[in-house]
Amino acid sequence: MQPHDYETALREKNAAALSSVLAAVLLTALKLVVGVSTNSLGILSEAAHSGLDLVAAAVTWFAVRISSRPPDARHPYGHGKVENLSALVETLLLLVTCGWIVWEAMHRLFVEPEIVVPSVWGLGVMGVSIVVDISRSRMLRRVAKKYNSQALEADALHFSTDIWSSAVVIVGLLALLGADMLPEGSALRPVLERADAVAALAVCVIVVHVSLSLGRRAVDALLDGGDAGLAGRIEDAVNAQPGVVRVERTRVRESGPHAFVDMTIIVAAGLSLDAAHEITRQAEAAVHEVAPGADVTIHFEPQQAGERGVLDRIRCVAAAHALPVHAVEVIETQAEVDAPQDLMVELHVELEGRMPLSDAHARVTAFEESLRAELGPLHVATHIEPAQDTLGASPTAPSRLMESPRIQAAVQAAADMEPGVCDCHHMHVRRQGEDISLSFHCRMAPETPVTEAHRVSAALEARLRATLPELHRVVVHMEPVGE
């Protein structure tokens, strides 16, 4: 996250947390005044609940300021766990409050009933509380979701539970008003008069349920627990990427609003480092599609021998011998109808152009022996050719473009001898040390099959090498007419 992103996140989260502090101050004051004046345990429990909301909102405000700081030398993973810690503190405060409310409610129900004076003021305060709670919970939930803030989510849950608990208190107050309308000897009146204490117990049930859920999530985060659902979605996204054989292990942990993903993926054996890095880069992008902003570390490992196909195993052995190979073909042969099948491998091996044949043969022989050790008895036919990217000159020798009317004429003459070939262009003759290289483009009909285009390119190269034996390298680029 860039510095300006931290500033934006801090500003929005601070505004949300501060607004919840102000709302909690207002609601606590109103409920406390009306609760004391009416002696309603339901309203007093709501006042205590809102008081704890005030403390929780203040803790949240402090937590989001700390958690939004960027990582530093002492905290390389950031300060996100401050939010998880604050959520746990809020949970403990709520549970303590609920314990007091339960004790007081049981005392009023079974030991010493107290007279509650129902009033329109009590109903009005609860109505105002519901309106404020709805507004604050929506705003806090929106910001919490935007920045994955557990502290703000805890605040949003506090205000959401206030909505239901306030509704329960209203029901209790309405029951008390109904009790006043019944005659003194009515059997239903004692039941309704205890509705306030029952409403307080109902508030506690709601609060305890939400608090335990939030507390469990906070503890999970503090103990580096992860979201199994998120890990599964990440694995599915990475497994769908080309080049990823499978995801071996995924670990996801959360620190406040931030997620950290550690993953091991299996890729085909024998890949170049660049190819494996590109697969890893695509896998990382897939993780960010599922978990935007996550800190991702991906380790790749080669596919084990028992899981590879024959071609992968051949390329892996070649890579172990530092031999570039291409045109690999695996053939199953059978001498007679009922005879067992034998395995034959034909391939091209590239070696440095100036290497003596004896040295090249020794390297290829060692490679073939390793192939037999890997695949069992088989016949290997190896074609040795100079490496395509080796010019035979010193690596530091400068490459210089040159004009050669003779070579240009030879190219045109060779092209004229091949039916369907036209428009030879982009011709480059290059000298590096003692070697001369040639590259050029020519065109054929768009519907020409690739096999035919390749045959014509090979024929042009053969004619040019026969005419110009000094050529070290010839590259023919075939393209369709009209391009």
Protein backbone atom coordinates (compact mmCIF):
# COMPACT_ATOMS: atom_id res chain seq x y z
CA MET A 1 0.00 0.00 0.00
CA GLN A 2 1.38 3.38 -0.97
CA PRO A 3 1.79 6.23 1.58
CA HIS A 4 -1.18 8.16 0.20
CA ASP A 5 -3.29 4.98 0.48
CA TYR A 6 -2.41 4.75 4.18
CA GLU A 7 -3.44 8.37 4.64
CA THR A 8 -6.76 7.83 2.88
CA ALA A 9 -7.50 4.67 4.87
CA LEU A 10 -6.57 6.36 8.14
CA ARG A 11 -8.76 9.36 7.38
CA GLU A 12 -11.86 7.31 6.51
CA LYS A 13 -11.43 4.84 9.36
CA ASN A 14 -10.79 7.65 11.85
CA ALA A 15 -13.92 9.48 10.72
CA ALA A 16 -15.99 6.31 11.11
CA ALA A 17 -14.56 5.52 14.55
CA LEU A 18 -14.97 9.10 15.81
CA SER A 19 -18.58 9.25 14.64
CA SER A 20 -19.31 6.05 16.56
CA VAL A 21 -17.77 7.62 19.69
CA LEU A 22 -20.06 10.66 19.41
CA ALA A 23 -23.11 8.47 18.74
CA ALA A 24 -22.28 6.29 21.77
CA VAL A 25 -21.95 9.39 24.01
CA LEU A 26 -25.39 10.62 22.93
CA LEU A 27 -27.13 7.27 23.37
CA THR A 28 -25.49 6.50 26.72
CA ALA A 29 -26.52 9.85 28.18
CA LEU A 30 -30.13 9.56 26.98
CA LYS A 31 -30.59 5.97 28.16
CA LEU A 32 -28.96 6.63 31.53
CA VAL A 33 -31.19 9.63 32.29
CA VAL A 34 -34.41 7.90 31.26
CA GLY A 35 -33.41 4.56 32.85
CA VAL A 36 -32.73 6.17 36.23
CA SER A 37 -35.93 8.21 36.10
CA THR A 38 -38.10 5.19 35.23
CA ASN A 39 -36.12 2.54 37.18
CA SER A 40 -36.30 0.33 34.07
CA LEU A 41 -33.65 -2.40 34.17
CA GLY A 42 -34.16 -2.90 30.44
CA ILE A 43 -33.27 0.73 29.72
CA LEU A 44 -30.48 0.72 32.33
CA SER A 45 -29.03 -2.44 30.74
CA GLU A 46 -29.19 -0.63 27.42
CA ALA A 47 -27.43 2.36 29.00
CA ALA A 48 -24.70 0.05 30.28
CA HIS A 49 -24.55 -1.58 26.86
CA SER A 50 -24.17 1.83 25.21
CA GLY A 51 -21.59 2.81 27.83
CA LEU A 52 -19.56 -0.21 26.86
CA ASP A 53 -20.12 0.77 23.23
CA LEU A 54 -18.59 4.14 24.13
CA VAL A 55 -15.53 2.48 25.65
CA ALA A 56 -15.33 0.09 22.70
CA ALA A 57 -15.64 2.96 20.21
CA ALA A 58 -12.82 4.79 21.97
CA VAL A 59 -10.69 1.63 21.84
CA THR A 60 -11.56 1.26 18.16
CA TRP A 61 -10.61 4.85 17.44
CA PHE A 62 -7.23 4.29 19.06
CA ALA A 63 -6.76 0.91 17.33
CA VAL A 64 -7.43 2.12 13.79
CA ARG A 65 -4.91 4.93 14.24
CA ILE A 66 -2.21 2.45 15.24
CA SER A 67 -3.12 -0.33 12.80
CA SER A 68 -3.07 2.00 9.80
CA ARG A 69 0.62 2.75 10.26
CA PRO A 70 2.88 1.23 7.60
CA PRO A 71 5.34 -1.55 8.51
CA ASP A 72 8.59 -0.47 10.14
CA ALA A 73 11.87 -2.09 11.26
CA ARG A 74 10.37 -3.40 14.53
CA HIS A 75 7.06 -4.43 12.98
CA PRO A 76 7.82 -5.74 9.47
CA TYR A 77 4.36 -7.27 9.20
CA GLY A 78 2.63 -4.00 10.12
CA HIS A 79 0.48 -3.09 13.12
CA GLY A 80 -2.75 -4.78 12.05
CA LYS A 81 -3.05 -7.05 15.08
CA VAL A 82 -3.84 -3.98 17.19
CA GLU A 83 -7.32 -4.14 15.65
CA ASN A 84 -7.69 -7.81 16.57
CA LEU A 85 -6.57 -7.03 20.12
CA SER A 86 -9.04 -4.17 20.42
CA ALA A 87 -11.84 -6.42 19.18
CA LEU A 88 -10.97 -8.93 21.91
CA VAL A 89 -10.98 -6.17 24.57
CA GLU A 90 -14.42 -5.03 23.39
CA THR A 91 -15.69 -8.60 23.63
CA LEU A 92 -14.47 -9.00 27.22
CA LEU A 93 -16.07 -5.68 28.25
CA LEU A 94 -19.41 -6.75 26.81
CA LEU A 95 -19.31 -10.11 28.57
CA VAL A 96 -18.57 -8.43 31.92
CA THR A 97 -21.52 -6.09 31.42
CA CYS A 98 -23.80 -8.97 30.51
CA GLY A 99 -22.80 -10.75 33.72
CA TRP A 100 -23.92 -7.74 35.80
CA ILE A 101 -27.22 -7.45 33.89
CA VAL A 102 -28.01 -11.15 34.33
CA TRP A 103 -27.32 -10.95 38.07
CA GLU A 104 -29.55 -7.88 38.47
CA ALA A 105 -32.35 -9.38 36.35
CA MET A 106 -32.39 -12.61 38.35
CA HIS A 107 -32.44 -10.60 41.58
CA ARG A 108 -35.52 -8.65 40.39
CA LEU A 109 -37.28 -11.74 39.10
CA PHE A 110 -36.83 -14.03 42.10
CA VAL A 111 -35.55 -12.05 45.10
CA GLU A 112 -36.72 -8.44 45.28
CA PRO A 113 -38.98 -7.17 42.48
CA GLU A 114 -38.66 -3.44 41.85
CA ILE A 115 -41.30 -1.09 40.54
CA VAL A 116 -40.69 0.11 36.99
CA VAL A 117 -42.43 3.26 35.79
CA PRO A 118 -43.17 2.90 32.07
CA SER A 119 -43.21 6.17 30.14
CA VAL A 120 -43.40 7.63 26.68
CA TRP A 121 -39.89 9.02 27.26
CA GLY A 122 -38.52 5.53 27.57
CA LEU A 123 -40.17 4.47 24.34
CA GLY A 124 -38.94 7.64 22.62
CA VAL A 125 -35.32 7.13 23.70
CA MET A 126 -35.40 3.53 22.46
CA GLY A 127 -36.83 4.71 19.13
CA VAL A 128 -34.08 7.34 18.75
CA SER A 129 -31.53 4.69 19.68
CA ILE A 130 -32.74 2.37 16.92
CA VAL A 131 -32.53 5.14 14.28
CA VAL A 132 -28.98 6.10 15.34
CA ASP A 133 -27.90 2.46 15.56
CA ILE A 134 -29.13 1.69 12.04
CA SER A 135 -27.28 4.71 10.62
CA ARG A 136 -24.02 4.02 12.47
CA SER A 137 -23.97 0.27 11.83
CA ARG A 138 -24.42 0.73 8.08
CA MET A 139 -21.66 3.34 7.89
CA LEU A 140 -19.25 1.31 10.03
CA ARG A 141 -19.94 -1.89 8.11
CA ARG A 142 -19.26 -0.14 4.80
CA VAL A 143 -15.89 1.22 5.94
CA ALA A 144 -14.99 -2.07 7.68
CA LYS A 145 -15.66 -4.02 4.49
CA LYS A 146 -13.72 -1.52 2.36
CA TYR A 147 -10.60 -1.76 4.52
CA ASN A 148 -11.13 -5.24 6.05
CA SER A 149 -11.06 -3.70 9.52
CA GLN A 150 -12.03 -6.09 12.31
CA ALA A 151 -12.10 -3.28 14.85
CA LEU A 152 -14.65 -1.29 12.85
CA GLU A 153 -16.57 -4.49 12.16
CA ALA A 154 -16.74 -5.05 15.91
CA ASP A 155 -18.14 -1.54 16.33
CA ALA A 156 -20.68 -2.21 13.58
CA LEU A 157 -21.75 -5.40 15.35
CA HIS A 158 -22.16 -3.46 18.59
CA PHE A 159 -24.54 -1.01 16.98
CA SER A 160 -26.35 -3.81 15.12
CA THR A 161 -27.00 -5.70 18.36
CA ASP A 162 -28.19 -2.43 19.89
CA ILE A 163 -30.97 -2.35 17.29
CA TRP A 164 -32.32 -5.72 18.38
CA SER A 165 -31.76 -5.16 22.07
CA SER A 166 -33.53 -1.79 21.89
CA ALA A 167 -36.45 -3.47 20.14
CA VAL A 168 -36.61 -6.07 22.94
CA VAL A 169 -36.64 -3.30 25.57
CA ILE A 170 -39.49 -1.56 23.72
CA VAL A 171 -41.45 -4.80 23.85
CA GLY A 172 -40.77 -4.99 27.61
CA LEU A 173 -41.92 -1.39 28.14
CA LEU A 174 -45.08 -1.99 26.12
CA ALA A 175 -45.76 -5.03 28.30
CA LEU A 176 -45.46 -2.82 31.41
CA LEU A 177 -47.90 -0.32 29.91
CA GLY A 178 -50.24 -3.20 29.24
CA ALA A 179 -49.89 -4.38 32.85
CA ASP A 180 -51.01 -0.93 34.12
CA MET A 181 -54.21 -1.27 32.12
CA LEU A 182 -55.12 -4.59 33.76
CA PRO A 183 -56.99 -4.81 37.08
CA GLU A 184 -55.03 -5.49 40.28
CA GLY A 185 -56.20 -9.10 40.60
CA SER A 186 -55.42 -10.11 37.04
CA ALA A 187 -53.25 -13.26 36.75
CA LEU A 188 -51.50 -11.80 33.70
CA ARG A 189 -50.40 -8.61 35.42
CA PRO A 190 -47.48 -10.10 37.47
CA VAL A 191 -46.17 -11.73 34.33
CA LEU A 192 -46.20 -8.47 32.35
CA GLU A 193 -44.65 -6.56 35.27
CA ARG A 194 -41.62 -8.86 35.06
CA ALA A 195 -41.32 -8.34 31.31
CA ASP A 196 -38.68 -5.60 31.84
CA ALA A 197 -36.27 -8.02 33.56
CA VAL A 198 -37.00 -10.70 30.96
CA ALA A 199 -36.26 -8.14 28.23
CA ALA A 200 -32.91 -7.41 29.90
CA LEU A 201 -32.07 -11.13 29.85
CA ALA A 202 -33.01 -11.29 26.18
CA VAL A 203 -30.62 -8.37 25.50
CA CYS A 204 -27.86 -10.33 27.22
CA VAL A 205 -28.50 -13.43 25.13
CA ILE A 206 -28.14 -11.37 21.93
CA VAL A 207 -25.01 -9.59 23.12
CA VAL A 208 -23.30 -12.75 24.42
CA HIS A 209 -23.94 -14.59 21.15
CA VAL A 210 -22.40 -11.84 19.03
CA SER A 211 -19.57 -11.20 21.48
CA LEU A 212 -18.46 -14.84 21.55
CA SER A 213 -18.46 -14.99 17.76
CA LEU A 214 -16.41 -11.81 17.48
CA GLY A 215 -14.08 -12.87 20.29
CA ARG A 216 -13.40 -16.22 18.65
CA ARG A 217 -12.45 -14.48 15.41
CA ALA A 218 -10.19 -12.05 17.24
CA VAL A 219 -8.41 -14.88 19.05
CA ASP A 220 -8.03 -16.78 15.77
CA ALA A 221 -6.39 -13.74 14.19
CA LEU A 222 -4.08 -13.20 17.17
CA LEU A 223 -3.03 -16.88 16.97
CA ASP A 224 -2.41 -16.57 13.20
CA GLY A 225 -5.57 -18.45 12.35
CA GLY A 226 -6.81 -18.16 8.77
CA ASP A 227 -10.03 -18.17 6.82
CA ALA A 228 -10.43 -21.68 5.38
CA GLY A 229 -12.93 -20.41 2.84
CA LEU A 230 -10.52 -17.73 1.62
CA ALA A 231 -7.69 -20.28 1.39
CA GLY A 232 -9.91 -22.55 -0.70
CA ARG A 233 -10.84 -19.75 -3.11
CA ILE A 234 -7.16 -18.81 -3.47
CA GLU A 235 -6.18 -22.41 -4.23
CA ASP A 236 -8.92 -22.71 -6.86
CA ALA A 237 -7.77 -19.49 -8.56
CA VAL A 238 -4.09 -20.53 -8.62
CA ASN A 239 -4.83 -24.10 -9.77
CA ALA A 240 -6.60 -22.61 -12.78
CA GLN A 241 -3.43 -20.81 -13.95
CA PRO A 242 -1.53 -22.26 -16.94
CA GLY A 243 1.71 -23.92 -15.92
CA VAL A 244 0.62 -24.70 -12.35
CA VAL A 245 0.52 -28.47 -11.93
CA ARG A 246 -1.13 -28.12 -8.53
CA VAL A 247 -1.04 -26.14 -5.29
CA GLU A 248 0.92 -28.11 -2.71
CA ARG A 249 0.23 -25.96 0.37
CA THR A 250 -1.58 -22.74 1.19
CA ARG A 251 -1.36 -20.80 4.46
CA VAL A 252 -3.41 -17.67 5.02
CA ARG A 253 -3.23 -15.54 8.12
CA GLU A 254 -4.74 -12.19 8.91
CA SER A 255 -3.29 -9.25 10.79
CA GLY A 256 -5.97 -6.64 11.25
CA PRO A 257 -7.05 -5.48 7.79
CA HIS A 258 -4.14 -7.21 6.06
CA ALA A 259 -3.84 -10.79 4.78
CA PHE A 260 -0.60 -12.74 4.37
CA VAL A 261 -0.55 -15.67 1.96
CA ASP A 262 2.24 -18.27 1.85
CA MET A 263 1.93 -20.85 -0.92
CA THR A 264 3.90 -23.68 -2.50
CA ILE A 265 3.08 -24.59 -6.09
CA ILE A 266 4.29 -27.49 -8.24
CA VAL A 267 5.48 -26.69 -11.78
CA ALA A 268 6.78 -28.93 -14.55
CA ALA A 269 10.34 -30.14 -14.09
CA GLY A 270 13.00 -28.81 -16.44
CA LEU A 271 11.50 -25.34 -16.81
CA SER A 272 13.89 -22.44 -17.11
CA LEU A 273 14.12 -20.06 -14.17
CA ASP A 274 12.46 -17.33 -16.25
CA ALA A 275 9.54 -19.61 -17.17
CA ALA A 276 9.02 -20.72 -13.56
CA HIS A 277 9.18 -17.08 -12.42
CA GLU A 278 6.53 -16.08 -14.95
CA ILE A 279 4.21 -18.86 -13.74
CA THR A 280 4.77 -17.66 -10.16
CA ARG A 281 4.00 -14.06 -11.17
CA GLN A 282 0.71 -15.15 -12.75
CA ALA A 283 -0.15 -17.18 -9.65
CA GLU A 284 0.50 -14.13 -7.48
CA ALA A 285 -1.80 -12.03 -9.68
CA ALA A 286 -4.50 -14.70 -9.28
CA VAL A 287 -4.16 -14.49 -5.48
CA HIS A 288 -4.60 -10.70 -5.62
CA GLU A 289 -7.81 -11.18 -7.64
CA VAL A 290 -9.25 -13.11 -4.68
CA ALA A 291 -7.53 -11.18 -1.86
CA PRO A 292 -6.71 -7.64 -3.02
CA GLY A 293 -3.78 -6.08 -1.19
CA ALA A 294 -2.57 -9.39 0.28
CA ASP A 295 1.12 -9.86 0.99
CA VAL A 296 1.92 -12.95 -1.11
CA THR A 297 4.94 -15.27 -0.96
CA ILE A 298 4.97 -18.15 -3.46
CA HIS A 299 7.59 -20.92 -3.53
CA PHE A 300 7.72 -23.20 -6.57
CA GLU A 301 9.01 -26.77 -6.69
CA PRO A 302 9.57 -29.12 -9.66
CA GLN A 303 7.20 -31.98 -10.28
CA GLN A 304 8.43 -35.24 -8.78
CA ALA A 305 9.71 -37.92 -11.12
CA GLY A 306 6.81 -40.27 -10.48
CA GLU A 307 4.31 -37.58 -11.51
CA ARG A 308 5.99 -36.49 -14.76
CA GLY A 309 5.31 -37.66 -18.27
CA VAL A 310 8.12 -39.10 -20.39
CA LEU A 311 8.76 -35.78 -22.17
CA ASP A 312 9.03 -33.89 -18.87
CA ARG A 313 11.47 -36.49 -17.54
CA ILE A 314 13.62 -36.22 -20.66
CA ARG A 315 13.75 -32.43 -20.41
CA CYS A 316 14.57 -32.67 -16.70
CA VAL A 317 17.54 -34.96 -17.40
CA ALA A 318 18.68 -32.61 -20.17
CA ALA A 319 18.48 -29.64 -17.80
CA ALA A 320 20.56 -31.54 -15.24
CA HIS A 321 23.25 -31.90 -17.93
CA ALA A 322 22.86 -28.22 -18.98
CA LEU A 323 21.90 -29.34 -22.51
CA PRO A 324 19.26 -27.43 -24.52
CA VAL A 325 17.11 -29.96 -26.40
CA HIS A 326 14.29 -29.65 -28.91
CA ALA A 327 12.37 -31.74 -31.47
CA VAL A 328 11.96 -34.47 -28.85
CA GLU A 329 10.00 -37.46 -30.08
CA VAL A 330 9.15 -40.59 -28.06
CA ILE A 331 8.33 -43.65 -30.15
CA GLU A 332 7.14 -47.10 -29.14
CA THR A 333 8.53 -49.74 -31.50
CA GLN A 334 7.64 -53.43 -31.90
CA ALA A 335 9.81 -55.92 -33.78
CA GLU A 336 7.01 -58.49 -34.16
CA VAL A 337 3.25 -58.52 -33.57
CA ASP A 338 3.41 -60.35 -30.26
CA ALA A 339 6.76 -58.96 -29.17
CA PRO A 340 6.97 -56.48 -26.28
CA GLN A 341 7.19 -52.83 -27.18
CA ASP A 342 10.50 -51.01 -26.99
CA LEU A 343 10.97 -47.31 -26.32
CA MET A 344 12.90 -45.08 -28.72
CA VAL A 345 13.76 -41.43 -28.20
CA GLU A 346 14.85 -39.11 -30.98
CA LEU A 347 15.92 -35.56 -30.19
CA HIS A 348 18.18 -32.66 -31.11
CA VAL A 349 20.85 -31.45 -28.68
CA GLU A 350 22.37 -27.97 -28.97
CA LEU A 351 26.02 -27.46 -28.11
CA GLU A 352 28.50 -24.61 -28.53
CA GLY A 353 29.40 -24.37 -32.21
CA ARG A 354 33.19 -24.46 -31.80
CA MET A 355 33.23 -27.42 -29.39
CA PRO A 356 35.30 -30.36 -30.71
CA LEU A 357 33.22 -33.34 -31.80
CA SER A 358 34.95 -35.62 -29.28
CA ASP A 359 33.90 -33.38 -26.39
CA ALA A 360 30.37 -33.01 -27.75
CA HIS A 361 30.03 -36.78 -28.16
CA ALA A 362 31.24 -37.36 -24.59
CA ARG A 363 28.63 -34.97 -23.19
CA VAL A 364 25.84 -36.49 -25.24
CA THR A 365 26.87 -40.03 -24.25
CA ALA A 366 26.71 -39.10 -20.57
CA PHE A 367 23.27 -37.57 -21.20
CA GLU A 368 22.05 -40.75 -22.93
CA GLU A 369 23.26 -42.91 -20.05
CA SER A 370 21.33 -40.72 -17.60
CA LEU A 371 18.23 -41.05 -19.79
CA ARG A 372 18.46 -44.86 -19.63
CA ALA A 373 18.89 -44.68 -15.87
CA GLU A 374 15.75 -42.53 -15.64
CA LEU A 375 13.52 -44.31 -18.20
CA GLY A 376 14.94 -47.82 -18.37
CA PRO A 377 16.28 -49.62 -21.46
CA LEU A 378 15.68 -47.58 -24.61
CA HIS A 379 17.28 -46.63 -27.90
CA VAL A 380 18.38 -42.99 -28.14
CA ALA A 381 19.09 -41.22 -31.41
CA THR A 382 20.65 -37.82 -30.75
CA HIS A 383 21.30 -35.19 -33.37
CA ILE A 384 24.02 -32.74 -32.36
CA GLU A 385 23.75 -29.21 -33.72
CA PRO A 386 25.25 -25.81 -32.89
CA ALA A 387 23.31 -23.81 -30.34
CA GLN A 388 20.96 -21.38 -32.02
CA ASP A 389 22.08 -18.46 -29.88
CA THR A 390 25.82 -19.15 -30.33
CA LEU A 391 27.67 -17.36 -33.13
CA GLY A 392 31.00 -18.90 -32.36
CA ALA A 393 32.60 -15.50 -31.77
CA SER A 394 33.66 -13.96 -28.52
CA PRO A 395 30.64 -12.93 -26.42
CA THR A 396 32.09 -9.45 -26.25
CA ALA A 397 32.67 -9.16 -30.02
CA PRO A 398 30.56 -6.31 -31.45
CA SER A 399 27.81 -7.10 -33.95
CA ARG A 400 27.82 -4.83 -37.02
CA LEU A 401 25.25 -4.51 -39.79
CA MET A 402 26.73 -4.58 -43.28
CA GLU A 403 25.62 -3.97 -46.86
CA SER A 404 26.07 -6.92 -49.25
CA PRO A 405 24.49 -6.66 -52.71
CA ARG A 406 25.74 -10.19 -53.44
CA ILE A 407 23.86 -11.69 -50.48
CA GLN A 408 20.74 -9.65 -51.28
CA ALA A 409 20.79 -10.91 -54.87
CA ALA A 410 21.23 -14.49 -53.68
CA VAL A 411 18.20 -14.16 -51.40
CA GLN A 412 16.05 -12.84 -54.23
CA ALA A 413 17.24 -15.61 -56.57
CA ALA A 414 16.46 -18.30 -53.99
CA ALA A 415 12.99 -16.84 -53.38
CA ASP A 416 12.25 -16.73 -57.14
CA MET A 417 12.90 -20.48 -57.31
CA GLU A 418 10.21 -21.26 -54.72
CA PRO A 419 6.64 -21.05 -56.08
CA GLY A 420 4.34 -18.91 -53.92
CA VAL A 421 7.11 -16.90 -52.25
CA CYS A 422 7.17 -13.13 -52.81
CA ASP A 423 8.19 -9.79 -51.37
CA CYS A 424 11.49 -10.45 -49.60
CA HIS A 425 12.01 -7.55 -47.19
CA HIS A 426 13.52 -6.54 -43.83
CA MET A 427 16.82 -8.06 -44.91
CA HIS A 428 19.66 -7.77 -42.38
CA VAL A 429 23.22 -8.95 -42.91
CA ARG A 430 25.26 -8.90 -39.72
CA ARG A 431 28.91 -9.61 -38.97
CA GLN A 432 30.15 -10.62 -35.53
CA GLY A 433 33.80 -11.51 -35.39
CA GLU A 434 34.46 -13.85 -38.33
CA ASP A 435 30.83 -14.98 -38.64
CA ILE A 436 28.14 -13.60 -40.96
CA SER A 437 24.45 -13.98 -40.15
CA LEU A 438 21.44 -13.30 -42.36
CA SER A 439 17.78 -12.69 -41.53
CA PHE A 440 14.92 -11.63 -43.79
CA HIS A 441 11.12 -11.69 -44.14
CA CYS A 442 9.11 -12.98 -47.08
CA ARG A 443 5.44 -13.59 -47.78
CA MET A 444 3.17 -16.48 -48.82
CA ALA A 445 -0.58 -16.85 -49.29
CA PRO A 446 -2.52 -16.56 -45.98
CA GLU A 447 -4.10 -20.01 -46.40
CA THR A 448 -0.70 -21.75 -46.67
CA PRO A 449 -0.40 -24.50 -43.99
CA VAL A 450 2.32 -24.07 -41.40
CA THR A 451 3.98 -27.32 -42.53
CA GLU A 452 4.32 -25.98 -46.08
CA ALA A 453 5.60 -22.60 -44.89
CA HIS A 454 8.21 -24.40 -42.76
CA ARG A 455 9.26 -26.61 -45.71
CA VAL A 456 9.72 -23.56 -47.94
CA SER A 457 11.70 -21.75 -45.22
CA ALA A 458 13.99 -24.77 -44.84
CA ALA A 459 14.42 -24.99 -48.65
CA LEU A 460 15.35 -21.30 -48.83
CA GLU A 461 17.90 -21.76 -46.04
CA ALA A 462 19.41 -24.81 -47.77
CA ARG A 463 19.77 -22.97 -51.12
CA LEU A 464 21.35 -19.96 -49.45
CA ARG A 465 23.85 -22.09 -47.52
CA ALA A 466 24.78 -23.90 -50.73
CA THR A 467 25.27 -20.60 -52.54
CA LEU A 468 26.86 -18.70 -49.62
CA PRO A 469 28.88 -21.16 -47.51
CA GLU A 470 30.24 -18.29 -45.39
CA LEU A 471 26.84 -17.85 -43.73
CA HIS A 472 26.88 -18.95 -40.10
CA ARG A 473 23.23 -18.42 -39.30
CA VAL A 474 20.13 -17.96 -41.48
CA VAL A 475 16.74 -16.92 -40.10
CA VAL A 476 13.74 -16.86 -42.47
CA HIS A 477 10.57 -15.21 -41.15
CA MET A 478 7.52 -16.22 -43.17
CA GLU A 479 4.36 -14.08 -43.00
CA PRO A 480 1.06 -13.96 -44.92
CA VAL A 481 0.50 -11.64 -47.85
CA GLY A 482 -1.27 -8.49 -46.68
CA GLU A 483 0.40 -8.30 -43.27
